[in-house]
Structures are given as C-alpha cells and as structure tokens.
Amino acid sequence: MSDLKNKFIIMHLDDNCATALIDLSKDTELRSNEIFIKINQNIPMGHKFSLKDIKKGELIKKYGQIIGITTQDIKTGDWIHTHNLKSYYLEVAKK
C-alpha cells in the first residue's frame, strides 16, 4: 500500500482520471480517506489512469475539460491511453 503523496495528481475536481507522477506498478494500492484505487496495469509516469469505472462512449475529463471518448469500458485503476481512448478534439474537428 502506498500513500498518495507524490504518486499522482488530479488536475480538477471534475476529472475522472489522474496523472501518474511516477511509474506505477500493477497492483499498487493508492489510499486516502476519500480514495482507494488499485492499479490494474503498469502505468508509466505522465500517463493517465481512471478514478472510476467509465463505460464505452463516455467522456474522459482532465483539467476539467473533455479530452477524449472511451472506445471500451474502463475500470477504476485502468491505464487510459490510445488503446482505449480516442481524441475528443479530433472527433469534434471532423464535424
């Protein structure tokens, strides 16, 4: 079990993802009074992971802004990257 200090950052209260500030290994547990997250895959520093279960087609928010649309269901603690996310900006630009 790890404390949260210096492990990740949540940029905005509306975000449903966090950014790893260090490499996080699979099965790392992050706990605080409000949060318990078990990391499901190795997550490289600077990459995102889910703070909650997110269904396919839902929006990913970072900095309080929509950054992507899920292409598959994402569970709490899953790595969020190009394998399960498409750019919201590119989707909007197509229209």
N, C-alpha and C. Protein backbone atom coordinates (compact mmCIF):
# COMPACT_ATOMS: atom_id res chain seq x y z
N MET A 1 0.85 -1.18 0.00
CA MET A 1 0.00 0.00 0.00
C MET A 1 0.89 1.23 0.00
N SER A 2 0.52 2.23 -0.79
CA SER A 2 1.27 3.47 -0.88
C SER A 2 0.42 4.63 -0.42
N ASP A 3 1.06 5.66 0.15
CA ASP A 3 0.29 6.87 0.39
C ASP A 3 0.21 7.64 -0.92
N LEU A 4 -0.65 8.63 -0.95
CA LEU A 4 -0.90 9.34 -2.20
C LEU A 4 0.14 10.39 -2.53
N LYS A 5 0.90 10.84 -1.55
CA LYS A 5 1.82 11.95 -1.73
C LYS A 5 2.82 11.64 -2.85
N ASN A 6 2.86 12.51 -3.82
CA ASN A 6 3.81 12.44 -4.93
C ASN A 6 3.65 11.23 -5.85
N LYS A 7 2.51 10.55 -5.80
CA LYS A 7 2.28 9.39 -6.67
C LYS A 7 1.49 9.78 -7.92
N PHE A 8 0.49 10.66 -7.74
CA PHE A 8 -0.32 11.10 -8.88
C PHE A 8 -0.93 12.44 -8.56
N ILE A 9 -1.50 13.05 -9.61
CA ILE A 9 -2.17 14.34 -9.44
C ILE A 9 -3.51 14.31 -10.16
N ILE A 10 -4.50 14.88 -9.51
CA ILE A 10 -5.80 15.11 -10.13
C ILE A 10 -5.86 16.60 -10.40
N MET A 11 -6.00 16.98 -11.66
CA MET A 11 -5.88 18.37 -12.06
C MET A 11 -7.08 19.23 -11.69
N HIS A 12 -8.29 18.62 -11.64
CA HIS A 12 -9.51 19.38 -11.43
C HIS A 12 -10.53 18.49 -10.72
N LEU A 13 -11.39 19.06 -9.93
CA LEU A 13 -12.39 18.29 -9.19
C LEU A 13 -13.35 17.50 -10.10
N ASP A 14 -13.56 17.98 -11.33
CA ASP A 14 -14.46 17.31 -12.26
C ASP A 14 -13.80 16.16 -13.03
N ASP A 15 -12.49 15.98 -12.87
CA ASP A 15 -11.76 14.97 -13.65
C ASP A 15 -12.15 13.56 -13.23
N ASN A 16 -12.18 12.65 -14.21
CA ASN A 16 -12.39 11.23 -13.91
C ASN A 16 -11.13 10.42 -14.18
N CYS A 17 -10.01 11.12 -14.35
CA CYS A 17 -8.72 10.47 -14.48
C CYS A 17 -7.68 11.25 -13.68
N ALA A 18 -6.58 10.58 -13.40
CA ALA A 18 -5.46 11.20 -12.71
C ALA A 18 -4.21 10.94 -13.54
N THR A 19 -3.16 11.70 -13.29
CA THR A 19 -1.89 11.54 -13.99
C THR A 19 -0.85 11.00 -13.02
N ALA A 20 -0.17 9.93 -13.43
CA ALA A 20 0.87 9.33 -12.60
C ALA A 20 2.09 10.24 -12.57
N LEU A 21 2.59 10.53 -11.38
CA LEU A 21 3.79 11.36 -11.22
C LEU A 21 5.05 10.50 -11.12
N ILE A 22 4.86 9.20 -11.00
CA ILE A 22 5.94 8.22 -11.01
C ILE A 22 5.43 7.02 -11.80
N ASP A 23 6.30 6.10 -12.16
CA ASP A 23 5.84 4.84 -12.74
C ASP A 23 5.07 4.10 -11.66
N LEU A 24 3.86 3.66 -11.98
CA LEU A 24 3.04 2.91 -11.04
C LEU A 24 2.96 1.46 -11.51
N SER A 25 3.32 0.54 -10.65
CA SER A 25 3.29 -0.88 -10.99
C SER A 25 1.90 -1.45 -10.80
N LYS A 26 1.59 -2.46 -11.62
CA LYS A 26 0.34 -3.19 -11.47
C LYS A 26 0.19 -3.64 -10.02
N ASP A 27 -1.01 -3.56 -9.51
CA ASP A 27 -1.38 -3.95 -8.14
C ASP A 27 -0.96 -2.95 -7.06
N THR A 28 -0.37 -1.81 -7.45
CA THR A 28 -0.11 -0.76 -6.47
C THR A 28 -1.45 -0.29 -5.92
N GLU A 29 -1.54 -0.13 -4.61
CA GLU A 29 -2.75 0.37 -3.98
C GLU A 29 -2.51 1.79 -3.50
N LEU A 30 -3.41 2.68 -3.89
CA LEU A 30 -3.36 4.08 -3.51
C LEU A 30 -4.57 4.35 -2.63
N ARG A 31 -4.33 4.86 -1.42
CA ARG A 31 -5.41 5.07 -0.46
C ARG A 31 -5.33 6.45 0.17
N SER A 32 -6.50 6.98 0.46
CA SER A 32 -6.65 8.13 1.34
C SER A 32 -8.02 7.99 1.96
N ASN A 33 -8.46 8.98 2.71
CA ASN A 33 -9.79 8.90 3.31
C ASN A 33 -10.89 8.80 2.26
N GLU A 34 -10.71 9.45 1.13
CA GLU A 34 -11.75 9.50 0.09
C GLU A 34 -11.50 8.55 -1.07
N ILE A 35 -10.28 8.06 -1.23
CA ILE A 35 -9.92 7.33 -2.44
C ILE A 35 -9.28 5.99 -2.09
N PHE A 36 -9.70 4.95 -2.81
CA PHE A 36 -8.96 3.70 -2.83
C PHE A 36 -8.90 3.26 -4.28
N ILE A 37 -7.71 3.13 -4.80
CA ILE A 37 -7.53 2.71 -6.18
C ILE A 37 -6.45 1.63 -6.20
N LYS A 38 -6.75 0.53 -6.87
CA LYS A 38 -5.75 -0.49 -7.13
C LYS A 38 -5.42 -0.40 -8.62
N ILE A 39 -4.17 -0.19 -8.93
CA ILE A 39 -3.72 -0.03 -10.31
C ILE A 39 -3.76 -1.39 -11.01
N ASN A 40 -4.39 -1.44 -12.19
CA ASN A 40 -4.62 -2.71 -12.89
C ASN A 40 -3.56 -3.07 -13.93
N GLN A 41 -2.81 -2.09 -14.42
CA GLN A 41 -1.72 -2.33 -15.36
C GLN A 41 -0.55 -1.45 -14.92
N ASN A 42 0.65 -1.76 -15.42
CA ASN A 42 1.76 -0.84 -15.20
C ASN A 42 1.43 0.47 -15.90
N ILE A 43 1.60 1.59 -15.20
CA ILE A 43 1.27 2.89 -15.76
C ILE A 43 2.53 3.75 -15.74
N PRO A 44 3.01 4.15 -16.91
CA PRO A 44 4.22 4.97 -16.96
C PRO A 44 3.98 6.38 -16.40
N MET A 45 5.01 6.95 -15.86
CA MET A 45 4.96 8.33 -15.38
C MET A 45 4.42 9.24 -16.48
N GLY A 46 3.53 10.14 -16.13
CA GLY A 46 2.95 11.07 -17.09
C GLY A 46 1.71 10.56 -17.79
N HIS A 47 1.37 9.30 -17.58
CA HIS A 47 0.19 8.73 -18.22
C HIS A 47 -1.00 8.77 -17.27
N LYS A 48 -2.18 8.61 -17.84
CA LYS A 48 -3.43 8.72 -17.09
C LYS A 48 -3.93 7.36 -16.62
N PHE A 49 -4.69 7.38 -15.51
CA PHE A 49 -5.43 6.20 -15.09
C PHE A 49 -6.79 6.66 -14.57
N SER A 50 -7.73 5.72 -14.59
CA SER A 50 -9.11 6.03 -14.26
C SER A 50 -9.33 6.10 -12.75
N LEU A 51 -10.11 7.10 -12.34
CA LEU A 51 -10.50 7.25 -10.94
C LEU A 51 -11.82 6.56 -10.63
N LYS A 52 -12.52 6.08 -11.68
CA LYS A 52 -13.80 5.41 -11.50
C LYS A 52 -14.07 4.55 -12.72
N ASP A 53 -15.07 3.70 -12.64
CA ASP A 53 -15.49 2.92 -13.80
C ASP A 53 -16.09 3.87 -14.83
N ILE A 54 -15.71 3.69 -16.09
CA ILE A 54 -16.18 4.53 -17.18
C ILE A 54 -16.63 3.61 -18.32
N LYS A 55 -17.83 3.80 -18.80
CA LYS A 55 -18.38 2.96 -19.87
C LYS A 55 -17.89 3.41 -21.25
N LYS A 56 -17.89 2.47 -22.19
CA LYS A 56 -17.56 2.76 -23.58
C LYS A 56 -18.43 3.90 -24.08
N GLY A 57 -17.82 4.89 -24.75
CA GLY A 57 -18.54 6.02 -25.31
C GLY A 57 -18.65 7.20 -24.37
N GLU A 58 -18.25 7.04 -23.10
CA GLU A 58 -18.28 8.16 -22.16
C GLU A 58 -17.06 9.04 -22.36
N LEU A 59 -17.14 10.23 -21.80
CA LEU A 59 -16.09 11.23 -21.96
C LEU A 59 -15.06 11.14 -20.84
N ILE A 60 -13.80 11.37 -21.20
CA ILE A 60 -12.72 11.47 -20.22
C ILE A 60 -12.45 12.95 -19.99
N LYS A 61 -12.37 13.34 -18.73
CA LYS A 61 -12.10 14.73 -18.38
C LYS A 61 -10.77 14.84 -17.65
N LYS A 62 -9.97 15.81 -18.09
CA LYS A 62 -8.71 16.17 -17.44
C LYS A 62 -8.63 17.69 -17.49
N TYR A 63 -8.12 18.31 -16.46
CA TYR A 63 -8.10 19.77 -16.34
C TYR A 63 -9.52 20.35 -16.32
N GLY A 64 -10.51 19.51 -16.00
CA GLY A 64 -11.89 19.94 -16.02
C GLY A 64 -12.46 20.06 -17.42
N GLN A 65 -11.70 19.60 -18.42
CA GLN A 65 -12.09 19.69 -19.82
C GLN A 65 -12.20 18.30 -20.44
N ILE A 66 -13.04 18.14 -21.43
CA ILE A 66 -13.16 16.87 -22.13
C ILE A 66 -11.92 16.70 -23.01
N ILE A 67 -11.22 15.57 -22.85
CA ILE A 67 -10.03 15.31 -23.67
C ILE A 67 -10.20 14.09 -24.56
N GLY A 68 -11.17 13.22 -24.24
CA GLY A 68 -11.31 12.02 -25.04
C GLY A 68 -12.62 11.31 -24.83
N ILE A 69 -12.84 10.31 -25.70
CA ILE A 69 -14.03 9.47 -25.66
C ILE A 69 -13.54 8.03 -25.55
N THR A 70 -14.08 7.28 -24.60
CA THR A 70 -13.63 5.91 -24.42
C THR A 70 -14.07 5.03 -25.58
N THR A 71 -13.21 4.11 -25.98
CA THR A 71 -13.52 3.16 -27.04
C THR A 71 -13.85 1.78 -26.49
N GLN A 72 -13.76 1.65 -25.16
CA GLN A 72 -14.13 0.42 -24.47
C GLN A 72 -14.40 0.76 -23.01
N ASP A 73 -15.01 -0.16 -22.29
CA ASP A 73 -15.21 0.05 -20.86
C ASP A 73 -13.86 0.16 -20.17
N ILE A 74 -13.76 1.05 -19.19
CA ILE A 74 -12.54 1.26 -18.42
C ILE A 74 -12.90 1.11 -16.95
N LYS A 75 -12.15 0.32 -16.23
CA LYS A 75 -12.40 0.11 -14.79
C LYS A 75 -11.52 1.06 -13.97
N THR A 76 -11.94 1.31 -12.75
CA THR A 76 -11.15 2.09 -11.81
C THR A 76 -9.74 1.50 -11.74
N GLY A 77 -8.72 2.34 -11.91
CA GLY A 77 -7.34 1.89 -11.84
C GLY A 77 -6.75 1.46 -13.17
N ASP A 78 -7.56 1.48 -14.24
CA ASP A 78 -7.05 1.12 -15.57
C ASP A 78 -6.24 2.26 -16.17
N TRP A 79 -5.24 1.88 -16.94
CA TRP A 79 -4.45 2.81 -17.73
C TRP A 79 -5.34 3.38 -18.83
N ILE A 80 -5.31 4.68 -19.00
CA ILE A 80 -6.06 5.34 -20.07
C ILE A 80 -5.04 5.85 -21.09
N HIS A 81 -5.17 5.34 -22.31
CA HIS A 81 -4.23 5.72 -23.37
C HIS A 81 -4.89 5.42 -24.72
N THR A 82 -4.12 5.42 -25.79
CA THR A 82 -4.67 5.28 -27.13
C THR A 82 -5.35 3.93 -27.39
N HIS A 83 -5.10 2.93 -26.58
CA HIS A 83 -5.74 1.62 -26.76
C HIS A 83 -7.20 1.63 -26.29
N ASN A 84 -7.61 2.63 -25.50
CA ASN A 84 -8.99 2.66 -25.02
C ASN A 84 -9.60 4.07 -25.04
N LEU A 85 -8.98 4.95 -25.80
CA LEU A 85 -9.41 6.35 -25.84
C LEU A 85 -9.18 6.93 -27.23
N LYS A 86 -10.14 7.71 -27.72
CA LYS A 86 -9.91 8.47 -28.94
C LYS A 86 -10.06 9.94 -28.60
N SER A 87 -9.38 10.75 -29.35
CA SER A 87 -9.32 12.18 -29.10
C SER A 87 -10.68 12.84 -29.29
N TYR A 88 -11.10 13.58 -28.31
CA TYR A 88 -12.34 14.36 -28.42
C TYR A 88 -12.14 15.48 -29.43
N TYR A 89 -10.97 16.09 -29.41
CA TYR A 89 -10.68 17.20 -30.31
C TYR A 89 -10.78 16.77 -31.78
N LEU A 90 -10.24 15.61 -32.10
CA LEU A 90 -10.30 15.13 -33.48
C LEU A 90 -11.73 14.78 -33.89
N GLU A 91 -12.51 14.23 -32.97
CA GLU A 91 -13.90 13.90 -33.27
C GLU A 91 -14.70 15.17 -33.54
N VAL A 92 -14.49 16.21 -32.77
CA VAL A 92 -15.19 17.47 -32.94
C VAL A 92 -14.75 18.13 -34.25
N ALA A 93 -13.47 18.04 -34.58
CA ALA A 93 -12.95 18.66 -35.80
C ALA A 93 -13.53 18.02 -37.06
N LYS A 94 -13.92 16.73 -36.99
CA LYS A 94 -14.50 16.04 -38.15
C LYS A 94 -15.87 16.59 -38.52
N LYS A 95 -16.54 17.19 -37.55
CA LYS A 95 -17.93 17.64 -37.77
C LYS A 95 -18.00 18.98 -38.41
